[in-house]
Amino acid sequence: KQKKTYSINNVWTGKLLRMISKRPLFQLQDGDQTIYRFKKIDHSDAFWKHVFTDIEDEVGHSPLFCFMAHQFWIHIPERRQSELAFYESLERNRVHGYTVIGGDSACDKETKKTLISTYNQIHLDAKASINRRDHICTKGHYVIITRVSKSFAQVIDGVYKTSTSEKELQQRLGVAFKKSGLITITVEHNPEKARKFRKYISDSFHVPKEFRDSDRSRNLIP
């Protein structure tokens, strides 16, 4: 400190940067999985993006395949900008994303209109056969499953079915988020499960065969 000017020790910052740059990648062996538990929905979303970044560093910019009953994550006030930035990064990095949303309400349609882009494709399917508690994404040979409680999933379904405007939706979701209950994130290294899930999601889109069948897609960016 010199009068009103503060500086950070250059030696210390250099050591910190070297330590961060040498961090290990998120790696699981084939068939391994790890489970994380959260009591706050915004914490679970922040951690999901943390893990996703580590996985992407390992497997590269491979296409992303997802299912969610509703895209309510964008309506978590503390996480909205992060969610928008995530979808903008798909466009910026030319990463193809394919998402099936398991609802076709007016609010689901509005979400699709907000997020759809050249690289982020969205399909609405209220009859999707996946457990509505599960929000699933595959990246390369990894499968990430975010599971909410049964009661929370039912509340979210009800909110989307009966909300008549985005403003009403956000207000009611804000109440629901405070009582989200236990949320788990399971990360699994399972090439076969990832392949089957990619195939399921691909049925709703025109997906290039190499995107659908391969989990080694560092070189798949056109």
C-alpha atoms as a PDB file:
ATOM      1  CA  LYS A   1       0.000   0.000   0.000  1.00  0.00           C
ATOM      2  CA  GLN A   2       1.317   3.367  -0.970  1.00  0.00           C
ATOM      3  CA  LYS A   3      -1.020   6.118   0.189  1.00  0.00           C
ATOM      4  CA  LYS A   4      -4.304   5.213  -1.546  1.00  0.00           C
ATOM      5  CA  THR A   5      -2.775   2.818  -4.090  1.00  0.00           C
ATOM      6  CA  TYR A   6      -2.825  -0.927  -3.471  1.00  0.00           C
ATOM      7  CA  SER A   7      -0.866  -3.561  -5.405  1.00  0.00           C
ATOM      8  CA  ILE A   8      -0.810  -7.372  -5.328  1.00  0.00           C
ATOM      9  CA  ASN A   9       2.520  -9.140  -5.005  1.00  0.00           C
ATOM     10  CA  ASN A  10       3.621 -10.254  -8.481  1.00  0.00           C
ATOM     11  CA  VAL A  11       5.440 -13.331  -7.193  1.00  0.00           C
ATOM     12  CA  TRP A  12       2.302 -14.505  -5.383  1.00  0.00           C
ATOM     13  CA  THR A  13       0.032 -13.942  -8.402  1.00  0.00           C
ATOM     14  CA  GLY A  14       2.520 -15.752 -10.650  1.00  0.00           C
ATOM     15  CA  LYS A  15       2.514 -18.805  -8.364  1.00  0.00           C
ATOM     16  CA  LEU A  16      -1.284 -18.761  -8.221  1.00  0.00           C
ATOM     17  CA  LEU A  17      -1.641 -18.614 -12.017  1.00  0.00           C
ATOM     18  CA  ARG A  18       0.811 -21.491 -12.472  1.00  0.00           C
ATOM     19  CA  MET A  19      -1.062 -23.567  -9.903  1.00  0.00           C
ATOM     20  CA  ILE A  20      -4.433 -22.940 -11.583  1.00  0.00           C
ATOM     21  CA  SER A  21      -3.096 -23.694 -15.062  1.00  0.00           C
ATOM     22  CA  LYS A  22      -1.857 -27.094 -13.867  1.00  0.00           C
ATOM     23  CA  ARG A  23      -5.182 -28.171 -12.364  1.00  0.00           C
ATOM     24  CA  PRO A  24      -6.129 -31.779 -13.207  1.00  0.00           C
ATOM     25  CA  LEU A  25      -8.910 -32.395 -15.710  1.00  0.00           C
ATOM     26  CA  PHE A  26     -12.186 -33.930 -14.586  1.00  0.00           C
ATOM     27  CA  GLN A  27     -11.556 -37.575 -15.469  1.00  0.00           C
ATOM     28  CA  LEU A  28     -13.480 -40.747 -14.633  1.00  0.00           C
ATOM     29  CA  GLN A  29     -12.680 -44.248 -15.791  1.00  0.00           C
ATOM     30  CA  ASP A  30     -15.176 -46.096 -17.994  1.00  0.00           C
ATOM     31  CA  GLY A  31     -18.164 -47.098 -15.852  1.00  0.00           C
ATOM     32  CA  ASP A  32     -17.264 -44.803 -12.947  1.00  0.00           C
ATOM     33  CA  GLN A  33     -19.633 -42.196 -11.599  1.00  0.00           C
ATOM     34  CA  THR A  34     -19.691 -39.569  -8.884  1.00  0.00           C
ATOM     35  CA  ILE A  35     -22.690 -37.945  -7.191  1.00  0.00           C
ATOM     36  CA  TYR A  36     -22.991 -34.440  -5.743  1.00  0.00           C
ATOM     37  CA  ARG A  37     -25.850 -33.202  -3.526  1.00  0.00           C
ATOM     38  CA  PHE A  38     -27.239 -29.695  -3.143  1.00  0.00           C
ATOM     39  CA  LYS A  39     -29.946 -28.016  -1.084  1.00  0.00           C
ATOM     40  CA  LYS A  40     -30.105 -24.804  -3.129  1.00  0.00           C
ATOM     41  CA  ILE A  41     -31.001 -24.788  -6.787  1.00  0.00           C
ATOM     42  CA  ASP A  42     -28.691 -21.905  -7.711  1.00  0.00           C
ATOM     43  CA  HIS A  43     -25.744 -23.757  -6.148  1.00  0.00           C
ATOM     44  CA  SER A  44     -26.503 -26.847  -8.212  1.00  0.00           C
ATOM     45  CA  ASP A  45     -26.564 -24.822 -11.427  1.00  0.00           C
ATOM     46  CA  ALA A  46     -23.263 -23.098 -10.620  1.00  0.00           C
ATOM     47  CA  PHE A  47     -21.610 -26.436  -9.908  1.00  0.00           C
ATOM     48  CA  TRP A  48     -23.055 -27.994 -13.083  1.00  0.00           C
ATOM     49  CA  LYS A  49     -21.359 -25.346 -15.193  1.00  0.00           C
ATOM     50  CA  HIS A  50     -18.114 -25.844 -13.266  1.00  0.00           C
ATOM     51  CA  VAL A  51     -18.116 -29.593 -13.980  1.00  0.00           C
ATOM     52  CA  PHE A  52     -19.234 -29.082 -17.573  1.00  0.00           C
ATOM     53  CA  THR A  53     -16.263 -26.794 -18.237  1.00  0.00           C
ATOM     54  CA  ASP A  54     -13.856 -29.411 -16.876  1.00  0.00           C
ATOM     55  CA  ILE A  55     -15.425 -32.110 -19.048  1.00  0.00           C
ATOM     56  CA  GLU A  56     -15.276 -29.888 -22.116  1.00  0.00           C
ATOM     57  CA  ASP A  57     -11.585 -29.248 -21.446  1.00  0.00           C
ATOM     58  CA  GLU A  58     -11.075 -33.022 -21.551  1.00  0.00           C
ATOM     59  CA  VAL A  59     -13.261 -34.071 -24.505  1.00  0.00           C
ATOM     60  CA  GLY A  60     -13.212 -30.890 -26.601  1.00  0.00           C
ATOM     61  CA  HIS A  61     -16.014 -28.981 -28.309  1.00  0.00           C
ATOM     62  CA  SER A  62     -18.200 -31.987 -29.002  1.00  0.00           C
ATOM     63  CA  PRO A  63     -21.950 -31.555 -29.674  1.00  0.00           C
ATOM     64  CA  LEU A  64     -24.205 -31.292 -26.644  1.00  0.00           C
ATOM     65  CA  PHE A  65     -27.389 -33.376 -26.299  1.00  0.00           C
ATOM     66  CA  CYS A  66     -29.870 -32.542 -23.530  1.00  0.00           C
ATOM     67  CA  PHE A  67     -33.303 -33.257 -22.124  1.00  0.00           C
ATOM     68  CA  MET A  68     -35.182 -31.220 -19.523  1.00  0.00           C
ATOM     69  CA  ALA A  69     -38.836 -31.243 -18.579  1.00  0.00           C
ATOM     70  CA  HIS A  70     -38.798 -27.427 -18.647  1.00  0.00           C
ATOM     71  CA  GLN A  71     -35.973 -24.910 -19.096  1.00  0.00           C
ATOM     72  CA  PHE A  72     -36.574 -23.219 -15.754  1.00  0.00           C
ATOM     73  CA  TRP A  73     -32.845 -22.656 -15.070  1.00  0.00           C
ATOM     74  CA  ILE A  74     -32.910 -19.449 -17.068  1.00  0.00           C
ATOM     75  CA  HIS A  75     -35.489 -18.073 -14.601  1.00  0.00           C
ATOM     76  CA  ILE A  76     -33.317 -18.488 -11.497  1.00  0.00           C
ATOM     77  CA  PRO A  77     -32.561 -14.786 -10.831  1.00  0.00           C
ATOM     78  CA  GLU A  78     -28.990 -15.352  -9.653  1.00  0.00           C
ATOM     79  CA  ARG A  79     -28.191 -17.612 -12.608  1.00  0.00           C
ATOM     80  CA  ARG A  80     -29.950 -15.974 -15.564  1.00  0.00           C
ATOM     81  CA  GLN A  81     -26.895 -14.181 -16.954  1.00  0.00           C
ATOM     82  CA  SER A  82     -24.783 -17.311 -16.551  1.00  0.00           C
ATOM     83  CA  GLU A  83     -27.390 -19.349 -18.426  1.00  0.00           C
ATOM     84  CA  LEU A  84     -27.593 -16.849 -21.275  1.00  0.00           C
ATOM     85  CA  ALA A  85     -23.791 -16.718 -21.453  1.00  0.00           C
ATOM     86  CA  PHE A  86     -23.695 -20.518 -21.667  1.00  0.00           C
ATOM     87  CA  TYR A  87     -25.917 -20.562 -24.754  1.00  0.00           C
ATOM     88  CA  GLU A  88     -24.027 -17.652 -26.285  1.00  0.00           C
ATOM     89  CA  SER A  89     -20.821 -19.687 -25.891  1.00  0.00           C
ATOM     90  CA  LEU A  90     -22.281 -22.418 -28.118  1.00  0.00           C
ATOM     91  CA  GLU A  91     -22.639 -19.886 -30.905  1.00  0.00           C
ATOM     92  CA  ARG A  92     -19.245 -18.318 -30.231  1.00  0.00           C
ATOM     93  CA  ASN A  93     -17.407 -21.664 -30.172  1.00  0.00           C
ATOM     94  CA  ARG A  94     -19.536 -23.146 -32.973  1.00  0.00           C
ATOM     95  CA  VAL A  95     -20.668 -26.026 -30.749  1.00  0.00           C
ATOM     96  CA  HIS A  96     -23.912 -27.686 -31.793  1.00  0.00           C
ATOM     97  CA  GLY A  97     -26.486 -28.163 -29.064  1.00  0.00           C
ATOM     98  CA  TYR A  98     -29.635 -30.301 -29.348  1.00  0.00           C
ATOM     99  CA  THR A  99     -32.191 -30.020 -26.545  1.00  0.00           C
ATOM    100  CA  VAL A 100     -35.570 -31.676 -26.094  1.00  0.00           C
ATOM    101  CA  ILE A 101     -37.839 -29.822 -23.665  1.00  0.00           C
ATOM    102  CA  GLY A 102     -40.648 -31.966 -22.274  1.00  0.00           C
ATOM    103  CA  GLY A 103     -43.347 -29.305 -22.359  1.00  0.00           C
ATOM    104  CA  ASP A 104     -45.300 -27.378 -24.962  1.00  0.00           C
ATOM    105  CA  SER A 105     -46.976 -24.678 -22.875  1.00  0.00           C
ATOM    106  CA  ALA A 106     -46.977 -21.033 -23.935  1.00  0.00           C
ATOM    107  CA  CYS A 107     -44.053 -20.384 -21.577  1.00  0.00           C
ATOM    108  CA  ASP A 108     -42.075 -23.328 -22.991  1.00  0.00           C
ATOM    109  CA  LYS A 109     -42.610 -21.892 -26.464  1.00  0.00           C
ATOM    110  CA  GLU A 110     -41.419 -18.484 -25.294  1.00  0.00           C
ATOM    111  CA  THR A 111     -38.262 -20.056 -23.854  1.00  0.00           C
ATOM    112  CA  LYS A 112     -37.609 -21.803 -27.155  1.00  0.00           C
ATOM    113  CA  LYS A 113     -37.985 -18.507 -29.009  1.00  0.00           C
ATOM    114  CA  THR A 114     -35.491 -16.869 -26.621  1.00  0.00           C
ATOM    115  CA  LEU A 115     -32.777 -19.528 -26.763  1.00  0.00           C
ATOM    116  CA  ILE A 116     -32.958 -21.115 -30.214  1.00  0.00           C
ATOM    117  CA  SER A 117     -30.148 -20.226 -32.615  1.00  0.00           C
ATOM    118  CA  THR A 118     -28.138 -21.640 -35.494  1.00  0.00           C
ATOM    119  CA  TYR A 119     -26.099 -23.767 -33.108  1.00  0.00           C
ATOM    120  CA  ASN A 120     -28.669 -24.309 -30.347  1.00  0.00           C
ATOM    121  CA  GLN A 121     -31.591 -26.358 -31.630  1.00  0.00           C
ATOM    122  CA  ILE A 122     -34.644 -26.936 -29.397  1.00  0.00           C
ATOM    123  CA  HIS A 123     -37.587 -29.314 -29.817  1.00  0.00           C
ATOM    124  CA  LEU A 124     -40.702 -29.286 -27.615  1.00  0.00           C
ATOM    125  CA  ASP A 125     -42.155 -32.712 -26.836  1.00  0.00           C
ATOM    126  CA  ALA A 126     -44.674 -33.012 -23.992  1.00  0.00           C
ATOM    127  CA  LYS A 127     -44.840 -36.775 -24.579  1.00  0.00           C
ATOM    128  CA  ALA A 128     -41.116 -37.441 -24.090  1.00  0.00           C
ATOM    129  CA  SER A 129     -40.611 -40.722 -22.242  1.00  0.00           C
ATOM    130  CA  ILE A 130     -37.832 -39.563 -19.895  1.00  0.00           C
ATOM    131  CA  ASN A 131     -38.375 -39.226 -16.135  1.00  0.00           C
ATOM    132  CA  ARG A 132     -39.498 -35.646 -15.535  1.00  0.00           C
ATOM    133  CA  ARG A 133     -37.267 -35.393 -12.489  1.00  0.00           C
ATOM    134  CA  ASP A 134     -34.168 -35.796 -14.663  1.00  0.00           C
ATOM    135  CA  HIS A 135     -32.350 -33.119 -16.617  1.00  0.00           C
ATOM    136  CA  ILE A 136     -29.827 -35.024 -18.726  1.00  0.00           C
ATOM    137  CA  CYS A 137     -26.909 -33.882 -20.865  1.00  0.00           C
ATOM    138  CA  THR A 138     -24.218 -35.803 -22.694  1.00  0.00           C
ATOM    139  CA  LYS A 139     -20.830 -34.429 -23.631  1.00  0.00           C
ATOM    140  CA  GLY A 140     -18.546 -36.875 -25.382  1.00  0.00           C
ATOM    141  CA  HIS A 141     -18.596 -40.087 -23.348  1.00  0.00           C
ATOM    142  CA  TYR A 142     -19.893 -38.358 -20.213  1.00  0.00           C
ATOM    143  CA  VAL A 143     -23.503 -38.352 -19.010  1.00  0.00           C
ATOM    144  CA  ILE A 144     -24.567 -35.650 -16.539  1.00  0.00           C
ATOM    145  CA  ILE A 145     -27.906 -36.172 -14.775  1.00  0.00           C
ATOM    146  CA  THR A 146     -29.388 -33.460 -12.597  1.00  0.00           C
ATOM    147  CA  ARG A 147     -32.262 -34.950 -10.594  1.00  0.00           C
ATOM    148  CA  VAL A 148     -34.801 -32.873  -8.685  1.00  0.00           C
ATOM    149  CA  SER A 149     -37.296 -34.189  -6.161  1.00  0.00           C
ATOM    150  CA  LYS A 150     -40.597 -35.681  -7.317  1.00  0.00           C
ATOM    151  CA  SER A 151     -42.620 -33.011  -5.508  1.00  0.00           C
ATOM    152  CA  PHE A 152     -40.558 -30.188  -7.023  1.00  0.00           C
ATOM    153  CA  ALA A 153     -40.928 -31.638 -10.530  1.00  0.00           C
ATOM    154  CA  GLN A 154     -44.697 -31.810 -10.050  1.00  0.00           C
ATOM    155  CA  VAL A 155     -44.845 -28.204  -8.833  1.00  0.00           C
ATOM    156  CA  ILE A 156     -42.816 -27.036 -11.846  1.00  0.00           C
ATOM    157  CA  ASP A 157     -45.116 -28.915 -14.226  1.00  0.00           C
ATOM    158  CA  GLY A 158     -48.119 -27.223 -12.630  1.00  0.00           C
ATOM    159  CA  VAL A 159     -46.554 -23.774 -12.812  1.00  0.00           C
ATOM    160  CA  TYR A 160     -45.837 -24.144 -16.522  1.00  0.00           C
ATOM    161  CA  LYS A 161     -49.262 -25.545 -17.340  1.00  0.00           C
ATOM    162  CA  THR A 162     -51.187 -22.736 -15.663  1.00  0.00           C
ATOM    163  CA  SER A 163     -49.010 -19.622 -16.034  1.00  0.00           C
ATOM    164  CA  THR A 164     -50.367 -17.229 -18.641  1.00  0.00           C
ATOM    165  CA  SER A 165     -47.362 -14.903 -18.966  1.00  0.00           C
ATOM    166  CA  GLU A 166     -43.610 -14.971 -18.436  1.00  0.00           C
ATOM    167  CA  LYS A 167     -43.950 -12.473 -15.598  1.00  0.00           C
ATOM    168  CA  GLU A 168     -46.398 -14.750 -13.768  1.00  0.00           C
ATOM    169  CA  LEU A 169     -44.164 -17.745 -14.503  1.00  0.00           C
ATOM    170  CA  GLN A 170     -41.117 -16.050 -12.981  1.00  0.00           C
ATOM    171  CA  GLN A 171     -43.012 -14.991  -9.867  1.00  0.00           C
ATOM    172  CA  ARG A 172     -44.363 -18.490  -9.241  1.00  0.00           C
ATOM    173  CA  LEU A 173     -41.041 -20.141 -10.023  1.00  0.00           C
ATOM    174  CA  GLY A 174     -39.357 -17.821  -7.525  1.00  0.00           C
ATOM    175  CA  VAL A 175     -41.590 -19.265  -4.804  1.00  0.00           C
ATOM    176  CA  ALA A 176     -40.981 -22.834  -5.973  1.00  0.00           C
ATOM    177  CA  PHE A 177     -37.187 -22.414  -6.058  1.00  0.00           C
ATOM    178  CA  LYS A 178     -37.154 -21.648  -2.334  1.00  0.00           C
ATOM    179  CA  LYS A 179     -38.592 -25.114  -1.687  1.00  0.00           C
ATOM    180  CA  SER A 180     -36.694 -27.114  -4.305  1.00  0.00           C
ATOM    181  CA  GLY A 181     -35.519 -29.739  -1.826  1.00  0.00           C
ATOM    182  CA  LEU A 182     -32.564 -32.049  -2.462  1.00  0.00           C
ATOM    183  CA  ILE A 183     -30.975 -31.878  -5.901  1.00  0.00           C
ATOM    184  CA  THR A 184     -28.358 -34.377  -7.070  1.00  0.00           C
ATOM    185  CA  ILE A 185     -25.913 -34.180  -9.941  1.00  0.00           C
ATOM    186  CA  THR A 186     -24.551 -37.502 -11.165  1.00  0.00           C
ATOM    187  CA  VAL A 187     -21.579 -37.498 -13.539  1.00  0.00           C
ATOM    188  CA  GLU A 188     -20.929 -40.814 -15.251  1.00  0.00           C
ATOM    189  CA  HIS A 189     -18.308 -41.959 -17.732  1.00  0.00           C
ATOM    190  CA  ASN A 190     -20.381 -44.322 -19.871  1.00  0.00           C
ATOM    191  CA  PRO A 191     -19.834 -44.262 -23.671  1.00  0.00           C
ATOM    192  CA  GLU A 192     -22.678 -46.713 -24.366  1.00  0.00           C
ATOM    193  CA  LYS A 193     -25.244 -44.815 -22.294  1.00  0.00           C
ATOM    194  CA  ALA A 194     -24.097 -41.570 -23.902  1.00  0.00           C
ATOM    195  CA  ARG A 195     -24.467 -43.091 -27.379  1.00  0.00           C
ATOM    196  CA  LYS A 196     -28.022 -44.323 -26.660  1.00  0.00           C
ATOM    197  CA  PHE A 197     -29.043 -40.944 -25.259  1.00  0.00           C
ATOM    198  CA  ARG A 198     -27.595 -39.130 -28.280  1.00  0.00           C
ATOM    199  CA  LYS A 199     -29.593 -41.470 -30.508  1.00  0.00           C
ATOM    200  CA  TYR A 200     -32.806 -40.751 -28.544  1.00  0.00           C
ATOM    201  CA  ILE A 201     -32.384 -36.979 -28.745  1.00  0.00           C
ATOM    202  CA  SER A 202     -31.269 -37.120 -32.387  1.00  0.00           C
ATOM    203  CA  ASP A 203     -34.597 -38.621 -33.428  1.00  0.00           C
ATOM    204  CA  SER A 204     -36.136 -35.148 -32.963  1.00  0.00           C
ATOM    205  CA  PHE A 205     -33.582 -33.346 -35.145  1.00  0.00           C
ATOM    206  CA  HIS A 206     -31.630 -33.620 -38.373  1.00  0.00           C
ATOM    207  CA  VAL A 207     -28.338 -34.524 -36.708  1.00  0.00           C
ATOM    208  CA  PRO A 208     -25.252 -35.416 -38.795  1.00  0.00           C
ATOM    209  CA  LYS A 209     -24.386 -39.079 -38.344  1.00  0.00           C
ATOM    210  CA  GLU A 210     -20.892 -38.273 -37.068  1.00  0.00           C
ATOM    211  CA  PHE A 211     -22.400 -36.107 -34.293  1.00  0.00           C
ATOM    212  CA  ARG A 212     -24.873 -38.814 -33.304  1.00  0.00           C
ATOM    213  CA  ASP A 213     -22.518 -41.789 -33.299  1.00  0.00           C
ATOM    214  CA  SER A 214     -19.165 -40.441 -32.123  1.00  0.00           C
ATOM    215  CA  ASP A 215     -18.090 -39.414 -28.634  1.00  0.00           C
ATOM    216  CA  ARG A 216     -14.646 -38.381 -29.856  1.00  0.00           C
ATOM    217  CA  SER A 217     -15.558 -35.143 -31.513  1.00  0.00           C
ATOM    218  CA  ARG A 218     -12.651 -32.737 -31.061  1.00  0.00           C
ATOM    219  CA  ASN A 219     -12.500 -32.572 -34.847  1.00  0.00           C
ATOM    220  CA  LEU A 220     -16.245 -32.384 -35.527  1.00  0.00           C
ATOM    221  CA  ILE A 221     -16.483 -28.594 -35.555  1.00  0.00           C
ATOM    222  CA  PRO A 222     -17.201 -27.603 -39.194  1.00  0.00           C
END
